[in-house]
Amino acid sequence: MLNYLDFMVGWFAGWSHKGTSGTHLEYIEGRRDVDKIASTLAAETDIKVGVITIWETGELEAEIAELATQERTYVESKIVTSLEECGTSIANFLRAME
C-alpha cells in the first residue's frame, strides 16, 4: 500500500523549508488509534481558509472558503491511486488558495 500520510508529511516539510509565503500552512496529524488514519493540511490567507485531508486508504477531501462570505470556492473529493496524483491534488489546492 502507498503511504500517503508519509508523503504529506514529507511534502509539508519540503514546502516549509522553501519558505513559501502568502499562504500559511499547518500540518495536523490525525489520531493513530482510529480505524482510518488521516493527515490534514490547514491553509489560510488574508481572504481564504481551506483544508485538505488524506486518509491512508487514498481518500482525499479538500475544501476552500472565502472568509468574507463563507462561500465555498473549491471542493475536491476523490480517491488517489498514486503519490503523483496526491501531489497534484495538493498543488491544485494551493493554487486555489491564491
N, C-alpha and C. Protein backbone atom coordinates (compact mmCIF):
# COMPACT_ATOMS: atom_id res chain seq x y z
N MET A 1 0.85 -1.18 0.00
CA MET A 1 0.00 0.00 0.00
C MET A 1 0.89 1.25 0.00
N LEU A 2 0.52 2.24 -0.80
CA LEU A 2 1.25 3.51 -0.83
C LEU A 2 1.02 4.24 0.49
N ASN A 3 2.04 4.93 0.96
CA ASN A 3 1.90 5.63 2.23
C ASN A 3 1.66 7.12 1.99
N TYR A 4 0.38 7.46 1.82
CA TYR A 4 0.00 8.83 1.55
C TYR A 4 0.26 9.75 2.74
N LEU A 5 0.17 9.22 3.95
CA LEU A 5 0.39 10.05 5.14
C LEU A 5 1.84 10.49 5.22
N ASP A 6 2.78 9.58 4.99
CA ASP A 6 4.19 9.94 4.98
C ASP A 6 4.49 10.91 3.84
N PHE A 7 3.82 10.72 2.70
CA PHE A 7 4.01 11.62 1.57
C PHE A 7 3.61 13.04 1.96
N MET A 8 2.46 13.19 2.63
CA MET A 8 2.00 14.52 3.01
C MET A 8 2.97 15.16 4.01
N VAL A 9 3.47 14.39 4.96
CA VAL A 9 4.45 14.91 5.92
C VAL A 9 5.69 15.40 5.19
N GLY A 10 6.20 14.59 4.28
CA GLY A 10 7.38 14.97 3.51
C GLY A 10 7.14 16.18 2.63
N TRP A 11 5.98 16.23 2.01
CA TRP A 11 5.63 17.36 1.16
C TRP A 11 5.60 18.64 1.99
N PHE A 12 4.95 18.58 3.15
CA PHE A 12 4.85 19.75 4.02
C PHE A 12 6.22 20.20 4.50
N ALA A 13 7.07 19.27 4.87
CA ALA A 13 8.43 19.61 5.33
C ALA A 13 9.19 20.32 4.22
N GLY A 14 9.08 19.84 3.00
CA GLY A 14 9.74 20.48 1.87
C GLY A 14 9.18 21.86 1.59
N TRP A 15 7.88 22.00 1.66
CA TRP A 15 7.22 23.30 1.43
C TRP A 15 7.65 24.29 2.50
N SER A 16 7.68 23.88 3.75
CA SER A 16 8.06 24.75 4.86
C SER A 16 9.52 25.18 4.73
N HIS A 17 10.36 24.25 4.30
CA HIS A 17 11.79 24.53 4.17
C HIS A 17 12.06 25.58 3.09
N LYS A 18 11.23 25.60 2.05
CA LYS A 18 11.41 26.56 0.96
C LYS A 18 11.06 27.98 1.38
N GLY A 19 10.33 28.13 2.49
CA GLY A 19 9.95 29.46 2.96
C GLY A 19 8.89 30.11 2.09
N THR A 20 8.06 29.29 1.48
CA THR A 20 7.00 29.80 0.62
C THR A 20 6.09 30.72 1.42
N SER A 21 5.78 31.88 0.85
CA SER A 21 4.97 32.84 1.59
C SER A 21 3.62 33.03 0.91
N GLY A 22 2.76 33.80 1.56
CA GLY A 22 1.44 34.09 1.03
C GLY A 22 0.36 33.21 1.62
N THR A 23 0.65 31.96 1.79
CA THR A 23 -0.30 31.02 2.39
C THR A 23 0.34 30.41 3.62
N HIS A 24 -0.35 30.53 4.74
CA HIS A 24 0.13 29.89 5.97
C HIS A 24 -0.43 28.47 5.98
N LEU A 25 0.45 27.48 6.14
CA LEU A 25 0.03 26.09 6.20
C LEU A 25 0.37 25.50 7.56
N GLU A 26 -0.53 24.67 8.04
CA GLU A 26 -0.28 23.93 9.28
C GLU A 26 -0.57 22.46 9.01
N TYR A 27 0.36 21.61 9.41
CA TYR A 27 0.17 20.17 9.28
C TYR A 27 -0.47 19.65 10.55
N ILE A 28 -1.53 18.87 10.40
CA ILE A 28 -2.24 18.31 11.55
C ILE A 28 -2.25 16.80 11.40
N GLU A 29 -1.55 16.13 12.31
CA GLU A 29 -1.50 14.67 12.27
C GLU A 29 -2.76 14.12 12.93
N GLY A 30 -3.42 13.21 12.24
CA GLY A 30 -4.63 12.61 12.78
C GLY A 30 -4.32 11.61 13.88
N ARG A 31 -5.34 11.30 14.62
CA ARG A 31 -5.21 10.30 15.69
C ARG A 31 -4.81 8.97 15.08
N ARG A 32 -3.99 8.24 15.79
CA ARG A 32 -3.49 6.95 15.30
C ARG A 32 -4.26 5.78 15.88
N ASP A 33 -5.21 6.06 16.78
CA ASP A 33 -5.95 4.98 17.43
C ASP A 33 -7.35 4.81 16.83
N VAL A 34 -7.51 5.15 15.56
CA VAL A 34 -8.79 5.02 14.88
C VAL A 34 -8.64 4.07 13.69
N ASP A 35 -9.75 3.62 13.15
CA ASP A 35 -9.71 2.67 12.04
C ASP A 35 -9.11 3.28 10.76
N LYS A 36 -9.49 4.52 10.44
CA LYS A 36 -8.98 5.19 9.23
C LYS A 36 -8.14 6.38 9.66
N ILE A 37 -6.83 6.24 9.54
CA ILE A 37 -5.90 7.29 9.95
C ILE A 37 -5.79 8.32 8.83
N ALA A 38 -5.74 9.61 9.21
CA ALA A 38 -5.68 10.69 8.24
C ALA A 38 -4.65 11.73 8.65
N SER A 39 -4.25 12.53 7.68
CA SER A 39 -3.42 13.71 7.91
C SER A 39 -4.07 14.87 7.17
N THR A 40 -3.93 16.06 7.75
CA THR A 40 -4.59 17.24 7.20
C THR A 40 -3.61 18.39 7.08
N LEU A 41 -3.75 19.16 6.00
CA LEU A 41 -3.10 20.45 5.88
C LEU A 41 -4.18 21.51 5.98
N ALA A 42 -4.03 22.41 6.94
CA ALA A 42 -4.94 23.55 7.07
C ALA A 42 -4.22 24.76 6.48
N ALA A 43 -4.91 25.51 5.64
CA ALA A 43 -4.31 26.64 4.95
C ALA A 43 -5.11 27.91 5.22
N GLU A 44 -4.38 29.03 5.23
CA GLU A 44 -5.04 30.31 5.47
C GLU A 44 -4.28 31.42 4.75
N THR A 45 -5.05 32.30 4.11
CA THR A 45 -4.51 33.54 3.56
C THR A 45 -5.34 34.67 4.16
N ASP A 46 -5.11 35.88 3.70
CA ASP A 46 -5.89 37.02 4.19
C ASP A 46 -7.35 36.93 3.79
N ILE A 47 -7.65 36.16 2.72
CA ILE A 47 -9.02 36.13 2.22
C ILE A 47 -9.66 34.74 2.16
N LYS A 48 -8.86 33.68 2.37
CA LYS A 48 -9.40 32.32 2.25
C LYS A 48 -8.90 31.42 3.37
N VAL A 49 -9.69 30.39 3.66
CA VAL A 49 -9.26 29.31 4.54
C VAL A 49 -9.59 28.00 3.84
N GLY A 50 -8.79 26.97 4.12
CA GLY A 50 -9.05 25.69 3.49
C GLY A 50 -8.39 24.55 4.23
N VAL A 51 -8.85 23.36 3.92
CA VAL A 51 -8.26 22.14 4.47
C VAL A 51 -8.21 21.09 3.37
N ILE A 52 -7.16 20.29 3.42
CA ILE A 52 -7.05 19.13 2.55
C ILE A 52 -6.65 17.96 3.44
N THR A 53 -7.41 16.91 3.37
CA THR A 53 -7.19 15.74 4.21
C THR A 53 -7.02 14.51 3.34
N ILE A 54 -6.04 13.69 3.71
CA ILE A 54 -5.87 12.40 3.02
C ILE A 54 -5.85 11.30 4.07
N TRP A 55 -6.56 10.24 3.76
CA TRP A 55 -6.59 9.07 4.63
C TRP A 55 -5.62 8.04 4.07
N GLU A 56 -5.18 7.14 4.92
CA GLU A 56 -4.22 6.12 4.50
C GLU A 56 -4.77 5.25 3.37
N THR A 57 -6.08 5.26 3.19
CA THR A 57 -6.72 4.48 2.13
C THR A 57 -6.64 5.16 0.77
N GLY A 58 -6.18 6.42 0.73
CA GLY A 58 -6.12 7.18 -0.51
C GLY A 58 -7.29 8.11 -0.70
N GLU A 59 -8.26 8.06 0.20
CA GLU A 59 -9.38 9.01 0.12
C GLU A 59 -8.85 10.41 0.38
N LEU A 60 -9.30 11.37 -0.41
CA LEU A 60 -8.83 12.74 -0.29
C LEU A 60 -10.03 13.68 -0.34
N GLU A 61 -10.06 14.62 0.58
CA GLU A 61 -11.11 15.64 0.63
C GLU A 61 -10.43 16.99 0.77
N ALA A 62 -10.87 17.96 -0.01
CA ALA A 62 -10.33 19.32 0.08
C ALA A 62 -11.47 20.32 -0.05
N GLU A 63 -11.32 21.42 0.67
CA GLU A 63 -12.35 22.46 0.64
C GLU A 63 -11.71 23.80 0.96
N ILE A 64 -12.12 24.83 0.23
CA ILE A 64 -11.66 26.19 0.45
C ILE A 64 -12.88 27.10 0.50
N ALA A 65 -12.84 28.09 1.41
CA ALA A 65 -13.94 29.05 1.53
C ALA A 65 -13.37 30.46 1.62
N GLU A 66 -14.12 31.41 1.09
CA GLU A 66 -13.80 32.83 1.23
C GLU A 66 -14.15 33.25 2.65
N LEU A 67 -13.25 33.99 3.30
CA LEU A 67 -13.51 34.42 4.67
C LEU A 67 -14.68 35.40 4.75
N ALA A 68 -14.76 36.34 3.82
CA ALA A 68 -15.77 37.38 3.89
C ALA A 68 -17.19 36.84 3.73
N THR A 69 -17.36 35.87 2.85
CA THR A 69 -18.71 35.38 2.54
C THR A 69 -18.97 33.97 3.04
N GLN A 70 -17.94 33.28 3.44
CA GLN A 70 -18.00 31.88 3.83
C GLN A 70 -18.46 30.97 2.69
N GLU A 71 -18.40 31.49 1.48
CA GLU A 71 -18.77 30.72 0.28
C GLU A 71 -17.65 29.76 -0.07
N ARG A 72 -18.01 28.50 -0.33
CA ARG A 72 -17.03 27.52 -0.77
C ARG A 72 -16.65 27.81 -2.21
N THR A 73 -15.36 27.92 -2.45
CA THR A 73 -14.88 28.23 -3.79
C THR A 73 -14.13 27.06 -4.41
N TYR A 74 -13.85 26.03 -3.62
CA TYR A 74 -13.11 24.87 -4.13
C TYR A 74 -13.52 23.66 -3.31
N VAL A 75 -13.88 22.60 -4.00
CA VAL A 75 -14.21 21.34 -3.34
C VAL A 75 -13.66 20.21 -4.20
N GLU A 76 -12.96 19.29 -3.56
CA GLU A 76 -12.46 18.11 -4.26
C GLU A 76 -12.65 16.90 -3.36
N SER A 77 -13.18 15.85 -3.93
CA SER A 77 -13.38 14.60 -3.21
C SER A 77 -13.05 13.47 -4.18
N LYS A 78 -12.04 12.68 -3.82
CA LYS A 78 -11.62 11.63 -4.74
C LYS A 78 -10.82 10.58 -4.00
N ILE A 79 -10.50 9.53 -4.68
CA ILE A 79 -9.57 8.53 -4.18
C ILE A 79 -8.34 8.60 -5.08
N VAL A 80 -7.20 8.92 -4.48
CA VAL A 80 -5.96 8.98 -5.26
C VAL A 80 -5.36 7.58 -5.33
N THR A 81 -4.71 7.32 -6.43
CA THR A 81 -4.16 5.97 -6.65
C THR A 81 -2.65 5.98 -6.80
N SER A 82 -2.03 7.17 -6.68
CA SER A 82 -0.58 7.27 -6.78
C SER A 82 -0.10 8.47 -5.98
N LEU A 83 1.17 8.45 -5.63
CA LEU A 83 1.75 9.59 -4.92
C LEU A 83 1.78 10.82 -5.82
N GLU A 84 1.97 10.62 -7.11
CA GLU A 84 1.94 11.73 -8.07
C GLU A 84 0.57 12.40 -8.07
N GLU A 85 -0.47 11.60 -8.08
CA GLU A 85 -1.83 12.15 -8.06
C GLU A 85 -2.09 12.89 -6.75
N CYS A 86 -1.58 12.37 -5.65
CA CYS A 86 -1.71 13.04 -4.37
C CYS A 86 -1.01 14.40 -4.41
N GLY A 87 0.20 14.44 -4.95
CA GLY A 87 0.95 15.70 -5.06
C GLY A 87 0.24 16.70 -5.96
N THR A 88 -0.35 16.21 -7.04
CA THR A 88 -1.09 17.10 -7.94
C THR A 88 -2.29 17.70 -7.23
N SER A 89 -2.99 16.91 -6.43
CA SER A 89 -4.14 17.42 -5.68
C SER A 89 -3.72 18.48 -4.67
N ILE A 90 -2.59 18.26 -4.01
CA ILE A 90 -2.09 19.27 -3.06
C ILE A 90 -1.73 20.56 -3.82
N ALA A 91 -1.05 20.43 -4.94
CA ALA A 91 -0.66 21.60 -5.73
C ALA A 91 -1.90 22.36 -6.23
N ASN A 92 -2.92 21.64 -6.71
CA ASN A 92 -4.15 22.29 -7.18
C ASN A 92 -4.84 23.01 -6.03
N PHE A 93 -4.84 22.40 -4.86
CA PHE A 93 -5.43 23.01 -3.66
C PHE A 93 -4.71 24.33 -3.35
N LEU A 94 -3.39 24.31 -3.36
CA LEU A 94 -2.64 25.53 -3.04
C LEU A 94 -2.82 26.61 -4.09
N ARG A 95 -2.92 26.23 -5.35
CA ARG A 95 -3.20 27.23 -6.41
C ARG A 95 -4.57 27.87 -6.17
N ALA A 96 -5.53 27.08 -5.75
CA ALA A 96 -6.86 27.61 -5.49
C ALA A 96 -6.89 28.53 -4.27
N MET A 97 -5.89 28.38 -3.38
CA MET A 97 -5.81 29.25 -2.20
C MET A 97 -5.30 30.64 -2.56
N GLU A 98 -4.68 30.81 -3.73
CA GLU A 98 -4.11 32.11 -4.12
C GLU A 98 -5.18 33.12 -4.42
